[in-house]
């Protein structure tokens, strides 16, 4: 079960052997969120896979739409963009990223129909997606599937987005390792790196987890 930041702080204090560490105020809060984002980005956490509908549906002839982004959907790895076809009854077509600029250019010359390609663009300062060919229908849902960045901890009651206690334990070991090395305790740092490595190997297997990667996540 996911732990609150307060419970993670208790584990960090125990494993760093420092009862005055606070993760709910600065600099502890920023250190915690930085390591949290790093470990979230380093491994394929199924709980961070989300599907988010863009706020606006298709408009006949319109090719650019605002991207689905926000505190609950900051995508670090987009797996796909899907579009609902007119009268499809919730059937979605997966859009492709064009493999060449020529392919993308040719798609713009096609008569408006069911879109085939997408790219992510900056539309006058707005994070957006452009789809080609433009749809020849309105009210079709556009949705994004991918891995999102976990929402930051802000309070002691903030809850981790990881689903297992083992994952939260690994996060606590990583934070404890960072504090240990900052205090000049290399032995304690190494103990926590080994514990974090073992916990992550339980979750993802030996092939995906190396001690070097774990050290980098901990900022060591």
N, C-alpha and C. Protein backbone atom coordinates (compact mmCIF):
# COMPACT_ATOMS: atom_id res chain seq x y z
N UNK A 1 0.84 -1.20 0.00
CA UNK A 1 0.00 0.00 0.00
C UNK A 1 0.88 1.25 0.00
N UNK A 2 0.45 2.25 -0.76
CA UNK A 2 1.23 3.48 -0.87
C UNK A 2 1.36 4.18 0.49
N UNK A 3 2.51 4.79 0.70
CA UNK A 3 2.79 5.46 1.96
C UNK A 3 2.65 6.97 1.81
N UNK A 4 2.34 7.63 2.91
CA UNK A 4 2.36 9.09 2.94
C UNK A 4 3.81 9.57 3.04
N UNK A 5 3.99 10.85 2.75
CA UNK A 5 5.33 11.42 2.88
C UNK A 5 5.82 11.34 4.33
N UNK A 6 4.92 11.49 5.28
CA UNK A 6 5.31 11.40 6.70
C UNK A 6 5.87 10.01 7.02
N UNK A 7 5.23 8.96 6.50
CA UNK A 7 5.72 7.60 6.75
C UNK A 7 7.06 7.37 6.03
N UNK A 8 7.21 7.92 4.84
CA UNK A 8 8.50 7.80 4.14
C UNK A 8 9.58 8.53 4.92
N UNK A 9 9.24 9.68 5.47
CA UNK A 9 10.19 10.44 6.30
C UNK A 9 10.65 9.62 7.49
N UNK A 10 9.74 8.89 8.13
CA UNK A 10 10.10 8.04 9.26
C UNK A 10 11.13 6.99 8.84
N UNK A 11 10.92 6.37 7.68
CA UNK A 11 11.88 5.38 7.18
C UNK A 11 13.21 6.01 6.85
N UNK A 12 13.18 7.21 6.27
CA UNK A 12 14.43 7.90 5.94
C UNK A 12 15.22 8.20 7.21
N UNK A 13 14.57 8.70 8.22
CA UNK A 13 15.25 9.01 9.48
C UNK A 13 15.90 7.76 10.07
N UNK A 14 15.16 6.65 10.03
CA UNK A 14 15.69 5.41 10.58
C UNK A 14 16.91 4.93 9.79
N UNK A 15 16.80 4.94 8.46
CA UNK A 15 17.87 4.39 7.63
C UNK A 15 19.05 5.34 7.45
N UNK A 16 18.81 6.63 7.65
CA UNK A 16 19.91 7.59 7.62
C UNK A 16 20.48 7.83 9.02
N UNK A 17 19.83 7.24 10.02
CA UNK A 17 20.24 7.39 11.43
C UNK A 17 20.30 8.86 11.84
N UNK A 18 19.24 9.55 11.49
CA UNK A 18 19.17 10.99 11.76
C UNK A 18 17.70 11.34 12.03
N UNK A 19 17.36 11.58 13.28
CA UNK A 19 15.97 11.81 13.66
C UNK A 19 15.48 13.23 13.43
N UNK A 20 16.34 14.11 12.91
CA UNK A 20 15.88 15.49 12.68
C UNK A 20 15.66 15.79 11.19
N UNK A 21 15.86 14.81 10.33
CA UNK A 21 15.59 15.01 8.91
C UNK A 21 14.11 15.34 8.71
N UNK A 22 13.84 16.37 7.93
CA UNK A 22 12.46 16.73 7.59
C UNK A 22 12.31 16.76 6.08
N UNK A 23 11.37 15.99 5.58
CA UNK A 23 11.10 15.96 4.13
C UNK A 23 9.93 16.85 3.75
N UNK A 24 9.29 17.47 4.73
CA UNK A 24 8.10 18.29 4.44
C UNK A 24 8.42 19.77 4.32
N UNK A 25 9.67 20.15 4.59
CA UNK A 25 10.10 21.55 4.42
C UNK A 25 11.38 21.54 3.60
N UNK A 26 11.76 22.70 3.09
CA UNK A 26 12.97 22.79 2.28
C UNK A 26 14.22 22.73 3.16
N UNK A 27 15.32 22.14 2.64
CA UNK A 27 15.49 21.60 1.30
C UNK A 27 15.01 20.16 1.13
N UNK A 28 14.55 19.54 2.25
CA UNK A 28 14.18 18.13 2.18
C UNK A 28 13.07 17.83 1.19
N UNK A 29 12.12 18.76 1.07
CA UNK A 29 10.99 18.53 0.17
C UNK A 29 11.47 18.49 -1.29
N UNK A 30 12.33 19.42 -1.67
CA UNK A 30 12.85 19.44 -3.04
C UNK A 30 13.73 18.23 -3.33
N UNK A 31 14.56 17.83 -2.36
CA UNK A 31 15.41 16.65 -2.53
C UNK A 31 14.53 15.41 -2.74
N UNK A 32 13.50 15.29 -1.92
CA UNK A 32 12.59 14.14 -2.03
C UNK A 32 11.91 14.09 -3.39
N UNK A 33 11.36 15.22 -3.82
CA UNK A 33 10.65 15.24 -5.11
C UNK A 33 11.59 14.98 -6.29
N UNK A 34 12.81 15.46 -6.18
CA UNK A 34 13.78 15.21 -7.25
C UNK A 34 14.09 13.71 -7.37
N UNK A 35 14.35 13.06 -6.25
CA UNK A 35 14.65 11.62 -6.28
C UNK A 35 13.41 10.82 -6.68
N UNK A 36 12.25 11.27 -6.24
CA UNK A 36 10.97 10.63 -6.60
C UNK A 36 10.80 10.64 -8.12
N UNK A 37 11.04 11.79 -8.76
CA UNK A 37 10.92 11.89 -10.22
C UNK A 37 11.96 11.02 -10.92
N UNK A 38 13.16 10.98 -10.37
CA UNK A 38 14.24 10.20 -10.99
C UNK A 38 13.91 8.71 -10.99
N UNK A 39 13.47 8.20 -9.86
CA UNK A 39 13.18 6.76 -9.78
C UNK A 39 11.92 6.43 -10.59
N UNK A 40 10.99 7.37 -10.69
CA UNK A 40 9.80 7.14 -11.51
C UNK A 40 10.16 7.06 -12.99
N UNK A 41 11.12 7.88 -13.42
CA UNK A 41 11.50 7.90 -14.84
C UNK A 41 12.41 6.75 -15.22
N UNK A 42 13.07 6.15 -14.25
CA UNK A 42 14.11 5.15 -14.55
C UNK A 42 13.55 3.76 -14.84
N UNK A 43 12.34 3.46 -14.37
CA UNK A 43 11.80 2.10 -14.48
C UNK A 43 10.36 2.13 -14.99
N UNK A 44 9.89 1.01 -15.58
CA UNK A 44 8.54 0.97 -16.18
C UNK A 44 7.44 0.73 -15.15
N UNK A 45 7.10 1.75 -14.40
CA UNK A 45 6.06 1.62 -13.38
C UNK A 45 4.69 1.57 -14.04
N UNK A 46 3.98 0.48 -13.90
CA UNK A 46 2.66 0.36 -14.53
C UNK A 46 1.68 1.36 -13.94
N UNK A 47 1.85 1.73 -12.68
CA UNK A 47 0.93 2.67 -12.04
C UNK A 47 1.06 4.09 -12.57
N UNK A 48 2.12 4.36 -13.31
CA UNK A 48 2.30 5.70 -13.87
C UNK A 48 1.86 5.77 -15.34
N UNK A 49 1.28 4.69 -15.84
CA UNK A 49 0.72 4.70 -17.20
C UNK A 49 -0.70 5.25 -17.12
N UNK A 50 -0.96 6.30 -17.91
CA UNK A 50 -2.28 6.93 -17.87
C UNK A 50 -2.78 7.22 -19.28
N UNK A 51 -4.10 7.27 -19.39
CA UNK A 51 -4.76 7.66 -20.62
C UNK A 51 -5.56 8.92 -20.33
N UNK A 52 -5.30 9.98 -21.07
CA UNK A 52 -5.92 11.27 -20.80
C UNK A 52 -6.54 11.82 -22.09
N UNK A 53 -7.80 12.19 -22.02
CA UNK A 53 -8.46 12.82 -23.16
C UNK A 53 -8.03 14.28 -23.26
N UNK A 54 -7.76 14.74 -24.50
CA UNK A 54 -7.54 16.15 -24.70
C UNK A 54 -8.82 16.90 -24.37
N UNK A 55 -8.66 18.15 -23.93
CA UNK A 55 -9.83 18.88 -23.45
C UNK A 55 -10.83 19.19 -24.56
N UNK A 56 -10.35 19.29 -25.81
CA UNK A 56 -11.24 19.63 -26.91
C UNK A 56 -11.35 18.47 -27.90
N UNK A 57 -12.56 18.14 -28.35
CA UNK A 57 -12.72 17.09 -29.36
C UNK A 57 -12.37 17.63 -30.74
N UNK A 58 -12.40 16.74 -31.71
CA UNK A 58 -12.07 17.14 -33.08
C UNK A 58 -13.08 18.17 -33.60
N UNK A 59 -12.56 19.02 -34.47
CA UNK A 59 -13.38 19.99 -35.19
C UNK A 59 -13.12 19.76 -36.67
N UNK A 60 -14.16 19.68 -37.46
CA UNK A 60 -14.04 19.43 -38.88
C UNK A 60 -13.05 20.41 -39.52
N UNK A 61 -11.96 19.87 -40.09
CA UNK A 61 -10.97 20.68 -40.78
C UNK A 61 -9.86 21.24 -39.90
N UNK A 62 -9.94 21.05 -38.59
CA UNK A 62 -8.93 21.59 -37.67
C UNK A 62 -7.86 20.55 -37.39
N UNK A 63 -6.58 20.95 -37.47
CA UNK A 63 -5.50 19.98 -37.31
C UNK A 63 -4.70 20.16 -36.02
N UNK A 64 -4.83 21.30 -35.33
CA UNK A 64 -4.02 21.57 -34.14
C UNK A 64 -4.92 21.64 -32.90
N UNK A 65 -4.49 20.93 -31.85
CA UNK A 65 -5.26 20.86 -30.61
C UNK A 65 -4.31 20.99 -29.41
N UNK A 66 -4.80 21.61 -28.34
CA UNK A 66 -3.98 21.75 -27.14
C UNK A 66 -3.69 20.38 -26.55
N UNK A 67 -2.46 20.23 -26.08
CA UNK A 67 -2.00 18.94 -25.54
C UNK A 67 -2.60 18.67 -24.17
N UNK A 68 -2.79 17.38 -23.84
CA UNK A 68 -3.28 17.01 -22.51
C UNK A 68 -2.11 17.10 -21.53
N UNK A 69 -2.09 18.13 -20.75
CA UNK A 69 -0.99 18.32 -19.82
C UNK A 69 -1.52 18.95 -18.54
N UNK A 70 -0.84 18.72 -17.46
CA UNK A 70 -1.28 19.26 -16.19
C UNK A 70 -0.67 18.46 -15.06
N UNK A 71 -1.06 18.76 -13.84
CA UNK A 71 -0.44 18.11 -12.69
C UNK A 71 -0.70 16.61 -12.67
N UNK A 72 -1.79 16.17 -13.34
CA UNK A 72 -2.09 14.74 -13.34
C UNK A 72 -1.64 14.06 -14.61
N UNK A 73 -1.05 14.80 -15.55
CA UNK A 73 -0.70 14.19 -16.83
C UNK A 73 0.47 14.89 -17.49
N UNK A 74 1.58 15.00 -16.78
CA UNK A 74 2.80 15.52 -17.39
C UNK A 74 3.54 14.31 -17.97
N UNK A 75 3.40 14.10 -19.27
CA UNK A 75 3.92 12.89 -19.88
C UNK A 75 5.43 12.95 -20.06
N UNK A 76 6.12 11.95 -19.55
CA UNK A 76 7.56 11.82 -19.77
C UNK A 76 7.85 10.87 -20.91
N UNK A 77 6.90 10.02 -21.24
CA UNK A 77 7.08 9.05 -22.33
C UNK A 77 5.73 8.78 -22.96
N UNK A 78 5.50 9.33 -24.14
CA UNK A 78 4.23 9.14 -24.83
C UNK A 78 4.26 7.82 -25.58
N UNK A 79 3.31 6.95 -25.27
CA UNK A 79 3.23 5.65 -25.92
C UNK A 79 2.36 5.70 -27.17
N UNK A 80 1.39 6.61 -27.21
CA UNK A 80 0.54 6.69 -28.37
C UNK A 80 -0.50 7.79 -28.26
N UNK A 81 -1.01 8.20 -29.41
CA UNK A 81 -2.13 9.14 -29.49
C UNK A 81 -3.22 8.45 -30.30
N UNK A 82 -4.43 8.46 -29.78
CA UNK A 82 -5.55 7.80 -30.44
C UNK A 82 -6.63 8.82 -30.77
N UNK A 83 -7.40 8.55 -31.82
CA UNK A 83 -8.48 9.45 -32.20
C UNK A 83 -9.73 8.63 -32.50
N UNK A 84 -10.85 9.13 -31.98
CA UNK A 84 -12.13 8.48 -32.20
C UNK A 84 -12.63 8.85 -33.59
N UNK A 85 -13.10 7.88 -34.32
CA UNK A 85 -13.62 8.17 -35.66
C UNK A 85 -15.11 8.46 -35.60
N UNK A 86 -15.58 9.21 -36.58
CA UNK A 86 -16.99 9.63 -36.61
C UNK A 86 -17.91 8.43 -36.62
N UNK A 87 -18.87 8.42 -35.72
CA UNK A 87 -19.85 7.36 -35.68
C UNK A 87 -19.29 5.99 -35.36
N UNK A 88 -18.11 5.96 -34.68
CA UNK A 88 -17.43 4.69 -34.45
C UNK A 88 -17.92 3.95 -33.21
N UNK A 89 -18.68 4.65 -32.38
CA UNK A 89 -19.11 4.00 -31.14
C UNK A 89 -17.94 3.68 -30.23
N UNK A 90 -17.11 4.71 -29.96
CA UNK A 90 -15.95 4.59 -29.06
C UNK A 90 -14.86 3.67 -29.61
N UNK A 91 -14.75 3.56 -30.91
CA UNK A 91 -13.63 2.85 -31.52
C UNK A 91 -12.55 3.88 -31.87
N UNK A 92 -11.31 3.63 -31.42
CA UNK A 92 -10.22 4.59 -31.61
C UNK A 92 -9.17 4.03 -32.57
N UNK A 93 -8.65 4.93 -33.42
CA UNK A 93 -7.54 4.58 -34.29
C UNK A 93 -6.26 5.13 -33.70
N UNK A 94 -5.20 4.32 -33.71
CA UNK A 94 -3.90 4.75 -33.21
C UNK A 94 -3.20 5.57 -34.29
N UNK A 95 -2.76 6.77 -33.93
CA UNK A 95 -2.03 7.63 -34.86
C UNK A 95 -0.54 7.29 -34.83
N UNK A 96 0.15 7.52 -35.94
CA UNK A 96 1.57 7.24 -36.05
C UNK A 96 2.38 8.52 -36.04
N UNK A 97 3.60 8.44 -35.55
CA UNK A 97 4.56 9.53 -35.72
C UNK A 97 5.17 9.37 -37.11
N UNK A 98 5.16 10.41 -37.96
CA UNK A 98 5.71 10.26 -39.31
C UNK A 98 7.19 9.90 -39.24
N UNK A 99 7.61 8.98 -40.10
CA UNK A 99 9.00 8.53 -40.08
C UNK A 99 9.92 9.49 -40.81
N UNK A 100 9.37 10.31 -41.71
CA UNK A 100 10.18 11.29 -42.46
C UNK A 100 9.39 12.59 -42.61
N UNK A 101 10.10 13.67 -42.89
CA UNK A 101 9.45 14.95 -43.16
C UNK A 101 8.62 14.86 -44.44
N UNK A 102 9.09 14.07 -45.41
CA UNK A 102 8.34 13.91 -46.65
C UNK A 102 6.97 13.29 -46.38
N UNK A 103 6.94 12.28 -45.52
CA UNK A 103 5.70 11.61 -45.16
C UNK A 103 4.74 12.59 -44.49
N UNK A 104 5.29 13.41 -43.60
CA UNK A 104 4.49 14.41 -42.90
C UNK A 104 3.95 15.45 -43.87
N UNK A 105 4.80 15.89 -44.80
CA UNK A 105 4.39 16.89 -45.79
C UNK A 105 3.29 16.35 -46.69
N UNK A 106 3.43 15.11 -47.12
CA UNK A 106 2.43 14.52 -48.01
C UNK A 106 1.08 14.38 -47.33
N UNK A 107 1.10 14.13 -46.02
CA UNK A 107 -0.15 13.98 -45.28
C UNK A 107 -0.95 15.28 -45.26
N UNK A 108 -0.24 16.42 -45.34
CA UNK A 108 -0.93 17.71 -45.34
C UNK A 108 -1.66 17.95 -46.66
N UNK A 109 -1.27 17.25 -47.71
CA UNK A 109 -1.88 17.43 -49.04
C UNK A 109 -3.10 16.54 -49.23
N UNK A 110 -3.32 15.64 -48.28
CA UNK A 110 -4.44 14.71 -48.38
C UNK A 110 -5.74 15.40 -48.00
N UNK A 111 -6.81 15.08 -48.72
CA UNK A 111 -8.12 15.62 -48.40
C UNK A 111 -8.50 15.23 -46.97
N UNK A 112 -9.15 16.16 -46.26
CA UNK A 112 -9.54 15.89 -44.88
C UNK A 112 -10.29 14.57 -44.79
N UNK A 113 -9.86 13.75 -43.81
CA UNK A 113 -10.44 12.42 -43.64
C UNK A 113 -10.12 11.95 -42.23
N UNK A 114 -10.00 10.65 -42.01
CA UNK A 114 -9.58 10.14 -40.70
C UNK A 114 -8.08 10.36 -40.56
N UNK A 115 -7.61 11.07 -39.51
CA UNK A 115 -6.18 11.34 -39.34
C UNK A 115 -5.34 10.06 -39.22
N UNK A 116 -4.08 10.17 -39.65
CA UNK A 116 -3.15 9.04 -39.62
C UNK A 116 -1.92 9.34 -38.78
N UNK A 117 -1.42 10.60 -38.81
CA UNK A 117 -0.16 10.96 -38.16
C UNK A 117 -0.38 12.05 -37.09
N UNK A 118 0.58 12.12 -36.17
CA UNK A 118 0.60 13.22 -35.22
C UNK A 118 2.03 13.61 -34.91
N UNK A 119 2.23 14.88 -34.54
CA UNK A 119 3.48 15.35 -33.96
C UNK A 119 3.12 16.34 -32.84
N UNK A 120 4.00 16.47 -31.90
CA UNK A 120 3.80 17.42 -30.80
C UNK A 120 4.51 18.71 -31.19
N UNK A 121 3.83 19.85 -31.02
CA UNK A 121 4.38 21.13 -31.47
C UNK A 121 4.20 22.20 -30.41
N UNK A 122 4.91 23.32 -30.63
CA UNK A 122 4.72 24.53 -29.84
C UNK A 122 3.90 25.48 -30.71
N UNK A 123 2.63 25.64 -30.37
CA UNK A 123 1.73 26.49 -31.15
C UNK A 123 1.60 27.85 -30.47
N UNK A 124 2.52 28.77 -30.84
CA UNK A 124 2.51 30.12 -30.26
C UNK A 124 2.54 30.09 -28.73
N UNK A 125 3.42 29.24 -28.20
CA UNK A 125 3.60 29.16 -26.76
C UNK A 125 2.72 28.14 -26.07
N UNK A 126 1.85 27.47 -26.82
CA UNK A 126 0.96 26.46 -26.24
C UNK A 126 1.41 25.07 -26.65
N UNK A 127 1.60 24.21 -25.67
CA UNK A 127 1.97 22.81 -25.94
C UNK A 127 0.79 22.16 -26.66
N UNK A 128 1.01 21.70 -27.89
CA UNK A 128 -0.10 21.24 -28.72
C UNK A 128 0.27 20.00 -29.50
N UNK A 129 -0.73 19.39 -30.12
CA UNK A 129 -0.53 18.26 -31.02
C UNK A 129 -1.14 18.64 -32.37
N UNK A 130 -0.42 18.33 -33.44
CA UNK A 130 -0.95 18.53 -34.79
C UNK A 130 -1.19 17.16 -35.41
N UNK A 131 -2.36 17.00 -36.02
CA UNK A 131 -2.70 15.73 -36.64
C UNK A 131 -2.96 15.94 -38.13
N UNK A 132 -2.52 14.98 -38.92
CA UNK A 132 -2.72 15.03 -40.37
C UNK A 132 -3.09 13.65 -40.89
N UNK A 133 -3.95 13.61 -41.92
CA UNK A 133 -4.77 14.70 -42.44
C UNK A 133 -5.69 15.25 -41.36
N UNK A 134 -6.19 16.47 -41.55
CA UNK A 134 -7.15 17.02 -40.60
C UNK A 134 -8.43 16.18 -40.65
N UNK A 135 -9.12 16.05 -39.53
CA UNK A 135 -10.35 15.25 -39.53
C UNK A 135 -11.45 15.94 -40.34
N UNK A 136 -12.28 15.14 -40.96
CA UNK A 136 -13.42 15.69 -41.70
C UNK A 136 -14.72 15.53 -40.92
N UNK A 137 -14.58 15.50 -39.58
CA UNK A 137 -15.74 15.34 -38.71
C UNK A 137 -15.46 16.01 -37.37
N UNK A 138 -16.50 16.28 -36.62
CA UNK A 138 -16.39 16.92 -35.31
C UNK A 138 -16.80 15.96 -34.20
N UNK A 139 -16.44 16.33 -32.99
CA UNK A 139 -16.86 15.63 -31.76
C UNK A 139 -16.14 14.31 -31.52
N UNK A 140 -15.06 14.02 -32.27
CA UNK A 140 -14.27 12.83 -31.99
C UNK A 140 -13.27 13.10 -30.87
N UNK A 141 -13.18 12.20 -29.92
CA UNK A 141 -12.26 12.36 -28.78
C UNK A 141 -10.83 12.05 -29.23
N UNK A 142 -9.88 12.88 -28.79
CA UNK A 142 -8.45 12.62 -28.99
C UNK A 142 -7.86 12.31 -27.62
N UNK A 143 -7.13 11.22 -27.52
CA UNK A 143 -6.58 10.88 -26.22
C UNK A 143 -5.11 10.47 -26.32
N UNK A 144 -4.42 10.70 -25.23
CA UNK A 144 -2.98 10.44 -25.14
C UNK A 144 -2.75 9.32 -24.14
N UNK A 145 -1.89 8.37 -24.52
CA UNK A 145 -1.53 7.26 -23.63
C UNK A 145 -0.03 7.34 -23.39
N UNK A 146 0.39 7.25 -22.15
CA UNK A 146 1.82 7.29 -21.88
C UNK A 146 2.14 7.20 -20.41
N UNK A 147 3.41 7.40 -20.12
CA UNK A 147 3.92 7.39 -18.75
C UNK A 147 4.00 8.82 -18.26
N UNK A 148 3.43 9.07 -17.10
CA UNK A 148 3.40 10.43 -16.58
C UNK A 148 4.37 10.59 -15.41
N UNK A 149 4.73 11.83 -15.19
CA UNK A 149 5.55 12.17 -14.03
C UNK A 149 4.65 12.17 -12.80
N UNK A 150 5.06 11.57 -11.70
CA UNK A 150 4.19 11.56 -10.52
C UNK A 150 4.02 12.97 -9.97
N UNK A 151 2.83 13.24 -9.46
CA UNK A 151 2.59 14.54 -8.83
C UNK A 151 3.50 14.70 -7.63
N UNK A 152 4.01 15.90 -7.43
CA UNK A 152 4.95 16.16 -6.35
C UNK A 152 4.30 15.97 -4.98
N UNK A 153 5.12 15.55 -4.01
CA UNK A 153 4.72 15.62 -2.62
C UNK A 153 4.67 17.10 -2.23
N UNK A 154 3.67 17.49 -1.48
CA UNK A 154 3.59 18.87 -1.00
C UNK A 154 3.42 18.96 0.51
N UNK A 155 2.78 17.94 1.10
CA UNK A 155 2.50 17.92 2.53
C UNK A 155 2.85 16.54 3.10
N UNK A 156 2.91 16.48 4.40
CA UNK A 156 3.16 15.19 5.04
C UNK A 156 2.11 14.16 4.71
N UNK A 157 0.89 14.62 4.42
CA UNK A 157 -0.21 13.71 4.09
C UNK A 157 -0.25 13.32 2.62
N UNK A 158 0.64 13.91 1.79
CA UNK A 158 0.69 13.54 0.37
C UNK A 158 1.03 12.06 0.26
N UNK A 159 0.35 11.37 -0.65
CA UNK A 159 0.52 9.93 -0.79
C UNK A 159 1.30 9.61 -2.05
N UNK A 160 2.24 8.69 -1.93
CA UNK A 160 3.02 8.23 -3.08
C UNK A 160 2.10 7.62 -4.14
N UNK A 161 2.48 7.77 -5.40
CA UNK A 161 1.71 7.16 -6.48
C UNK A 161 2.13 5.71 -6.74
N UNK A 162 3.18 5.25 -6.08
CA UNK A 162 3.55 3.85 -6.21
C UNK A 162 2.51 2.98 -5.50
N UNK A 163 2.29 1.79 -6.02
CA UNK A 163 1.24 0.93 -5.49
C UNK A 163 1.71 -0.03 -4.41
N UNK A 164 3.02 -0.26 -4.32
CA UNK A 164 3.53 -1.22 -3.35
C UNK A 164 4.37 -0.56 -2.27
N UNK A 165 4.34 -1.17 -1.10
CA UNK A 165 5.18 -0.69 -0.01
C UNK A 165 6.66 -0.85 -0.35
N UNK A 166 6.99 -1.88 -1.12
CA UNK A 166 8.38 -2.10 -1.51
C UNK A 166 8.91 -0.93 -2.31
N UNK A 167 8.09 -0.39 -3.18
CA UNK A 167 8.50 0.77 -3.98
C UNK A 167 8.75 1.98 -3.09
N UNK A 168 7.88 2.21 -2.13
CA UNK A 168 8.07 3.33 -1.22
C UNK A 168 9.28 3.12 -0.32
N UNK A 169 9.54 1.87 0.06
CA UNK A 169 10.74 1.57 0.83
C UNK A 169 11.98 1.92 0.02
N UNK A 170 11.98 1.54 -1.27
CA UNK A 170 13.12 1.84 -2.14
C UNK A 170 13.34 3.34 -2.22
N UNK A 171 12.25 4.11 -2.34
CA UNK A 171 12.37 5.57 -2.38
C UNK A 171 13.00 6.08 -1.09
N UNK A 172 12.57 5.55 0.05
CA UNK A 172 13.13 5.98 1.33
C UNK A 172 14.62 5.66 1.42
N UNK A 173 15.04 4.48 0.94
CA UNK A 173 16.46 4.13 0.97
C UNK A 173 17.27 5.09 0.10
N UNK A 174 16.72 5.45 -1.05
CA UNK A 174 17.43 6.37 -1.95
C UNK A 174 17.61 7.74 -1.31
N UNK A 175 16.57 8.22 -0.66
CA UNK A 175 16.67 9.52 0.01
C UNK A 175 17.65 9.43 1.17
N UNK A 176 17.59 8.34 1.93
CA UNK A 176 18.51 8.15 3.05
C UNK A 176 19.96 8.09 2.57
N UNK A 177 20.18 7.46 1.42
CA UNK A 177 21.54 7.39 0.86
C UNK A 177 22.04 8.77 0.52
N UNK A 178 21.17 9.61 -0.03
CA UNK A 178 21.55 10.98 -0.37
C UNK A 178 21.94 11.76 0.88
N UNK A 179 21.15 11.62 1.93
CA UNK A 179 21.48 12.31 3.18
C UNK A 179 22.77 11.77 3.79
N UNK A 180 22.97 10.47 3.70
CA UNK A 180 24.18 9.87 4.28
C UNK A 180 25.43 10.39 3.61
N UNK A 181 25.42 10.48 2.29
CA UNK A 181 26.61 10.95 1.60
C UNK A 181 26.83 12.44 1.85
N UNK A 182 25.74 13.19 2.03
CA UNK A 182 25.88 14.62 2.35
C UNK A 182 26.51 14.82 3.72
N UNK A 183 26.32 13.84 4.62
CA UNK A 183 26.93 13.91 5.95
C UNK A 183 28.32 13.30 5.97
N UNK A 184 28.76 12.77 4.82
CA UNK A 184 30.09 12.17 4.74
C UNK A 184 30.16 10.75 5.23
N UNK A 185 29.01 10.07 5.32
CA UNK A 185 28.99 8.69 5.80
C UNK A 185 28.90 7.75 4.60
N UNK A 186 30.05 7.39 4.04
CA UNK A 186 30.08 6.53 2.87
C UNK A 186 29.55 5.13 3.15
N UNK A 187 29.85 4.60 4.31
CA UNK A 187 29.38 3.25 4.64
C UNK A 187 27.86 3.19 4.72
N UNK A 188 27.26 4.19 5.38
CA UNK A 188 25.80 4.23 5.51
C UNK A 188 25.15 4.46 4.15
N UNK A 189 25.76 5.30 3.35
CA UNK A 189 25.26 5.51 1.99
C UNK A 189 25.23 4.21 1.22
N UNK A 190 26.31 3.43 1.30
CA UNK A 190 26.40 2.18 0.55
C UNK A 190 25.36 1.16 1.03
N UNK A 191 25.12 1.12 2.32
CA UNK A 191 24.11 0.21 2.87
C UNK A 191 22.74 0.52 2.26
N UNK A 192 22.41 1.81 2.21
CA UNK A 192 21.11 2.21 1.67
C UNK A 192 21.02 2.00 0.17
N UNK A 193 22.11 2.19 -0.56
CA UNK A 193 22.11 1.92 -1.99
C UNK A 193 21.87 0.43 -2.24
N UNK A 194 22.51 -0.41 -1.44
CA UNK A 194 22.31 -1.86 -1.59
C UNK A 194 20.87 -2.26 -1.27
N UNK A 195 20.29 -1.65 -0.25
CA UNK A 195 18.90 -1.96 0.10
C UNK A 195 17.94 -1.49 -1.00
N UNK A 196 18.20 -0.30 -1.54
CA UNK A 196 17.35 0.21 -2.63
C UNK A 196 17.48 -0.67 -3.86
N UNK A 197 18.70 -1.08 -4.17
CA UNK A 197 18.93 -1.96 -5.32
C UNK A 197 18.19 -3.27 -5.17
N UNK A 198 18.26 -3.86 -3.99
CA UNK A 198 17.58 -5.13 -3.74
C UNK A 198 16.07 -4.98 -3.88
N UNK A 199 15.52 -3.89 -3.35
CA UNK A 199 14.08 -3.67 -3.43
C UNK A 199 13.62 -3.48 -4.87
N UNK A 200 14.39 -2.73 -5.64
CA UNK A 200 14.02 -2.48 -7.04
C UNK A 200 14.18 -3.73 -7.89
N UNK A 201 15.15 -4.57 -7.56
CA UNK A 201 15.30 -5.85 -8.28
C UNK A 201 14.11 -6.76 -8.01
N UNK A 202 13.56 -6.70 -6.81
CA UNK A 202 12.36 -7.47 -6.51
C UNK A 202 11.21 -7.07 -7.41
N UNK A 203 11.15 -5.78 -7.73
CA UNK A 203 10.04 -5.25 -8.53
C UNK A 203 10.25 -5.41 -10.03
N UNK A 204 11.51 -5.28 -10.49
CA UNK A 204 11.75 -5.20 -11.93
C UNK A 204 12.72 -6.25 -12.47
N UNK A 205 13.33 -7.03 -11.60
CA UNK A 205 14.26 -8.05 -12.06
C UNK A 205 15.69 -7.56 -12.11
N UNK A 206 16.62 -8.49 -12.08
CA UNK A 206 18.03 -8.17 -12.01
C UNK A 206 18.53 -7.46 -13.26
N UNK A 207 17.94 -7.80 -14.43
CA UNK A 207 18.44 -7.25 -15.68
C UNK A 207 18.21 -5.75 -15.80
N UNK A 208 17.12 -5.26 -15.23
CA UNK A 208 16.77 -3.85 -15.39
C UNK A 208 17.37 -2.95 -14.32
N UNK A 209 17.90 -3.52 -13.26
CA UNK A 209 18.36 -2.71 -12.13
C UNK A 209 19.85 -2.94 -11.90
N UNK A 210 20.63 -1.88 -11.99
CA UNK A 210 22.05 -1.95 -11.66
C UNK A 210 22.34 -0.99 -10.51
N UNK A 211 23.39 -1.29 -9.77
CA UNK A 211 23.74 -0.42 -8.65
C UNK A 211 24.17 0.96 -9.15
N UNK A 212 24.79 1.02 -10.34
CA UNK A 212 25.20 2.31 -10.89
C UNK A 212 24.01 3.19 -11.17
N UNK A 213 22.94 2.59 -11.73
CA UNK A 213 21.73 3.36 -11.99
C UNK A 213 21.10 3.85 -10.70
N UNK A 214 21.08 2.99 -9.69
CA UNK A 214 20.50 3.36 -8.41
C UNK A 214 21.28 4.51 -7.77
N UNK A 215 22.58 4.46 -7.87
CA UNK A 215 23.41 5.55 -7.33
C UNK A 215 23.13 6.87 -8.03
N UNK A 216 22.95 6.82 -9.34
CA UNK A 216 22.65 8.04 -10.09
C UNK A 216 21.30 8.62 -9.66
N UNK A 217 20.31 7.75 -9.45
CA UNK A 217 19.00 8.21 -9.02
C UNK A 217 19.11 8.90 -7.66
N UNK A 218 19.92 8.37 -6.78
CA UNK A 218 20.08 8.94 -5.44
C UNK A 218 20.93 10.22 -5.44
N UNK A 219 21.47 10.57 -6.59
CA UNK A 219 22.29 11.79 -6.67
C UNK A 219 23.66 11.61 -6.11
N UNK A 220 24.22 10.41 -6.28
CA UNK A 220 25.54 10.09 -5.72
C UNK A 220 26.55 9.89 -6.84
